[in-house]
Amino acid sequence: MAMPADTNAAGDIFGGWVLSQMDLAGGIAAGERARCRVVTIAVDAMKFIRPVHVGDVLCVYSEIGEIGRSSMKIRIEAWARRHRYDRREKVTEAIFTFVAVDEEGRPKAVSLEKA
């Protein structure tokens, strides 16, 4: 839920907070697919469509796209449930790229088998 502490100077929820929630959701999806630790290396085509307001519940959805040797592109959408239970609106979308890494933080091949 978006809280007053997460607002920008205009009173809307700070875009960085939304980005952070999307990064967390994408990291979970990428980590489950890779079956190891992953790191975010890029955010492409971030597009803010509507503002998020205090009291909105942010729902974040991810879909695994292209998978390379060690990288994965994850398409992520964030939707706001207005005032916790009213209508839903898409507020932003982006493509995040994550890389699977080993214990030393070096790129590691993504498992060919799905989790």
C-alpha atoms as a PDB file:
ATOM      1  CA  MET A   1       0.000   0.000   0.000  1.00  0.00           C
ATOM      2  CA  ALA A   2       1.262   3.447  -0.894  1.00  0.00           C
ATOM      3  CA  MET A   3       1.816   5.493   2.258  1.00  0.00           C
ATOM      4  CA  PRO A   4       2.274   9.233   2.915  1.00  0.00           C
ATOM      5  CA  ALA A   5       6.011   8.766   3.582  1.00  0.00           C
ATOM      6  CA  ASP A   6       6.396   7.623  -0.051  1.00  0.00           C
ATOM      7  CA  THR A   7       5.156  10.869  -1.637  1.00  0.00           C
ATOM      8  CA  ASN A   8       7.040  13.358  -3.783  1.00  0.00           C
ATOM      9  CA  ALA A   9       6.762  17.140  -3.521  1.00  0.00           C
ATOM     10  CA  ALA A  10       3.548  17.105  -5.599  1.00  0.00           C
ATOM     11  CA  GLY A  11       1.858  14.697  -3.179  1.00  0.00           C
ATOM     12  CA  ASP A  12       1.903  11.710  -5.530  1.00  0.00           C
ATOM     13  CA  ILE A  13       3.789   8.534  -4.765  1.00  0.00           C
ATOM     14  CA  PHE A  14       7.451   8.921  -5.682  1.00  0.00           C
ATOM     15  CA  GLY A  15       8.338   7.119  -8.927  1.00  0.00           C
ATOM     16  CA  GLY A  16      11.408   5.612  -7.260  1.00  0.00           C
ATOM     17  CA  TRP A  17       9.171   3.790  -4.772  1.00  0.00           C
ATOM     18  CA  VAL A  18       7.142   2.305  -7.621  1.00  0.00           C
ATOM     19  CA  LEU A  19      10.339   1.329  -9.448  1.00  0.00           C
ATOM     20  CA  SER A  20      11.620  -0.351  -6.274  1.00  0.00           C
ATOM     21  CA  GLN A  21       8.458  -2.443  -5.917  1.00  0.00           C
ATOM     22  CA  MET A  22       8.740  -3.498  -9.561  1.00  0.00           C
ATOM     23  CA  ASP A  23      12.406  -4.409  -9.103  1.00  0.00           C
ATOM     24  CA  LEU A  24      11.527  -6.590  -6.101  1.00  0.00           C
ATOM     25  CA  ALA A  25       8.783  -8.413  -8.026  1.00  0.00           C
ATOM     26  CA  GLY A  26      10.986  -8.896 -11.081  1.00  0.00           C
ATOM     27  CA  GLY A  27      13.842 -10.146  -8.931  1.00  0.00           C
ATOM     28  CA  ILE A  28      11.582 -12.757  -7.378  1.00  0.00           C
ATOM     29  CA  ALA A  29      10.432 -13.991 -10.806  1.00  0.00           C
ATOM     30  CA  ALA A  30      13.971 -13.984 -12.238  1.00  0.00           C
ATOM     31  CA  GLY A  31      15.420 -15.717  -9.170  1.00  0.00           C
ATOM     32  CA  GLU A  32      12.759 -18.422  -9.293  1.00  0.00           C
ATOM     33  CA  ARG A  33      13.461 -19.017 -12.991  1.00  0.00           C
ATOM     34  CA  ALA A  34      17.255 -18.979 -12.649  1.00  0.00           C
ATOM     35  CA  ARG A  35      17.198 -20.867  -9.346  1.00  0.00           C
ATOM     36  CA  CYS A  36      19.972 -18.681  -7.998  1.00  0.00           C
ATOM     37  CA  ARG A  37      20.811 -15.136  -7.009  1.00  0.00           C
ATOM     38  CA  VAL A  38      20.077 -12.496  -9.637  1.00  0.00           C
ATOM     39  CA  VAL A  39      20.994  -8.839 -10.023  1.00  0.00           C
ATOM     40  CA  THR A  40      19.275  -6.061 -11.935  1.00  0.00           C
ATOM     41  CA  ILE A  41      21.451  -4.716 -14.733  1.00  0.00           C
ATOM     42  CA  ALA A  42      19.026  -2.600 -16.755  1.00  0.00           C
ATOM     43  CA  VAL A  43      15.588  -1.056 -16.852  1.00  0.00           C
ATOM     44  CA  ASP A  44      14.384  -0.328 -20.372  1.00  0.00           C
ATOM     45  CA  ALA A  45      11.418   1.614 -21.613  1.00  0.00           C
ATOM     46  CA  MET A  46      10.092   2.671 -18.204  1.00  0.00           C
ATOM     47  CA  LYS A  47       6.845   4.454 -18.897  1.00  0.00           C
ATOM     48  CA  PHE A  48       4.758   6.123 -16.203  1.00  0.00           C
ATOM     49  CA  ILE A  49       1.136   6.207 -17.347  1.00  0.00           C
ATOM     50  CA  ARG A  50      -0.802   7.372 -14.278  1.00  0.00           C
ATOM     51  CA  PRO A  51       0.202   8.560 -10.809  1.00  0.00           C
ATOM     52  CA  VAL A  52      -0.054   6.372  -7.728  1.00  0.00           C
ATOM     53  CA  HIS A  53      -1.828   7.991  -4.783  1.00  0.00           C
ATOM     54  CA  VAL A  54      -1.645   7.527  -1.038  1.00  0.00           C
ATOM     55  CA  GLY A  55      -3.914   4.622  -0.103  1.00  0.00           C
ATOM     56  CA  ASP A  56      -3.627   2.853  -3.446  1.00  0.00           C
ATOM     57  CA  VAL A  57      -2.555  -0.779  -3.402  1.00  0.00           C
ATOM     58  CA  LEU A  58       0.174  -1.381  -5.950  1.00  0.00           C
ATOM     59  CA  CYS A  59      -0.184  -4.738  -7.732  1.00  0.00           C
ATOM     60  CA  VAL A  60       2.896  -5.791  -9.698  1.00  0.00           C
ATOM     61  CA  TYR A  61       2.843  -8.481 -12.387  1.00  0.00           C
ATOM     62  CA  SER A  62       5.808  -9.998 -14.191  1.00  0.00           C
ATOM     63  CA  GLU A  63       6.283 -12.137 -17.263  1.00  0.00           C
ATOM     64  CA  ILE A  64       9.549 -13.780 -18.229  1.00  0.00           C
ATOM     65  CA  GLY A  65      10.547 -12.913 -21.750  1.00  0.00           C
ATOM     66  CA  GLU A  66      13.812 -13.500 -23.551  1.00  0.00           C
ATOM     67  CA  ILE A  67      16.355 -15.704 -21.773  1.00  0.00           C
ATOM     68  CA  GLY A  68      20.026 -15.526 -22.704  1.00  0.00           C
ATOM     69  CA  ARG A  69      22.974 -17.477 -21.347  1.00  0.00           C
ATOM     70  CA  SER A  70      22.989 -15.632 -18.021  1.00  0.00           C
ATOM     71  CA  SER A  71      20.403 -12.879 -18.512  1.00  0.00           C
ATOM     72  CA  MET A  72      16.631 -12.662 -18.519  1.00  0.00           C
ATOM     73  CA  LYS A  73      14.311  -9.905 -19.691  1.00  0.00           C
ATOM     74  CA  ILE A  74      11.272  -9.577 -17.472  1.00  0.00           C
ATOM     75  CA  ARG A  75       8.251  -7.534 -18.591  1.00  0.00           C
ATOM     76  CA  ILE A  76       6.720  -5.882 -15.554  1.00  0.00           C
ATOM     77  CA  GLU A  77       3.450  -3.989 -15.158  1.00  0.00           C
ATOM     78  CA  ALA A  78       2.239  -2.147 -12.086  1.00  0.00           C
ATOM     79  CA  TRP A  79      -1.450  -1.545 -11.494  1.00  0.00           C
ATOM     80  CA  ALA A  80      -3.036   0.568  -8.772  1.00  0.00           C
ATOM     81  CA  ARG A  81      -6.128  -0.548  -6.934  1.00  0.00           C
ATOM     82  CA  ARG A  82      -7.553   2.862  -6.185  1.00  0.00           C
ATOM     83  CA  HIS A  83      -8.403   3.558  -2.545  1.00  0.00           C
ATOM     84  CA  ARG A  84      -7.594  -0.110  -1.740  1.00  0.00           C
ATOM     85  CA  TYR A  85     -10.684  -1.619  -3.381  1.00  0.00           C
ATOM     86  CA  ASP A  86     -12.001   0.547  -6.191  1.00  0.00           C
ATOM     87  CA  ARG A  87     -11.142   0.248  -9.854  1.00  0.00           C
ATOM     88  CA  ARG A  88      -7.732  -0.826 -11.103  1.00  0.00           C
ATOM     89  CA  GLU A  89      -5.577   1.227 -13.465  1.00  0.00           C
ATOM     90  CA  LYS A  90      -2.259   0.418 -15.079  1.00  0.00           C
ATOM     91  CA  VAL A  91       0.212   2.992 -13.749  1.00  0.00           C
ATOM     92  CA  THR A  92       3.509   1.941 -15.298  1.00  0.00           C
ATOM     93  CA  GLU A  93       5.347  -0.709 -17.246  1.00  0.00           C
ATOM     94  CA  ALA A  94       8.949  -1.541 -18.041  1.00  0.00           C
ATOM     95  CA  ILE A  95      11.317  -4.251 -19.148  1.00  0.00           C
ATOM     96  CA  PHE A  96      13.903  -5.183 -16.539  1.00  0.00           C
ATOM     97  CA  THR A  97      17.014  -7.224 -17.323  1.00  0.00           C
ATOM     98  CA  PHE A  98      18.396  -9.479 -14.619  1.00  0.00           C
ATOM     99  CA  VAL A  99      21.593 -11.533 -14.666  1.00  0.00           C
ATOM    100  CA  ALA A 100      22.073 -14.785 -12.773  1.00  0.00           C
ATOM    101  CA  VAL A 101      25.216 -14.662 -10.620  1.00  0.00           C
ATOM    102  CA  ASP A 102      27.266 -17.103  -8.556  1.00  0.00           C
ATOM    103  CA  GLU A 103      28.413 -16.671  -4.940  1.00  0.00           C
ATOM    104  CA  GLU A 104      31.197 -14.297  -6.046  1.00  0.00           C
ATOM    105  CA  GLY A 105      28.816 -12.154  -8.100  1.00  0.00           C
ATOM    106  CA  ARG A 106      30.050 -13.385 -11.486  1.00  0.00           C
ATOM    107  CA  PRO A 107      27.557 -14.140 -14.282  1.00  0.00           C
ATOM    108  CA  LYS A 108      26.277 -17.706 -14.212  1.00  0.00           C
ATOM    109  CA  ALA A 109      24.336 -19.680 -16.819  1.00  0.00           C
ATOM    110  CA  VAL A 110      20.556 -19.705 -16.331  1.00  0.00           C
ATOM    111  CA  SER A 111      19.214 -23.190 -15.801  1.00  0.00           C
ATOM    112  CA  LEU A 112      17.579 -24.637 -18.902  1.00  0.00           C
ATOM    113  CA  GLU A 113      14.953 -26.319 -16.735  1.00  0.00           C
ATOM    114  CA  LYS A 114      12.040 -24.293 -15.437  1.00  0.00           C
ATOM    115  CA  ALA A 115      11.482 -24.287 -11.686  1.00  0.00           C
END
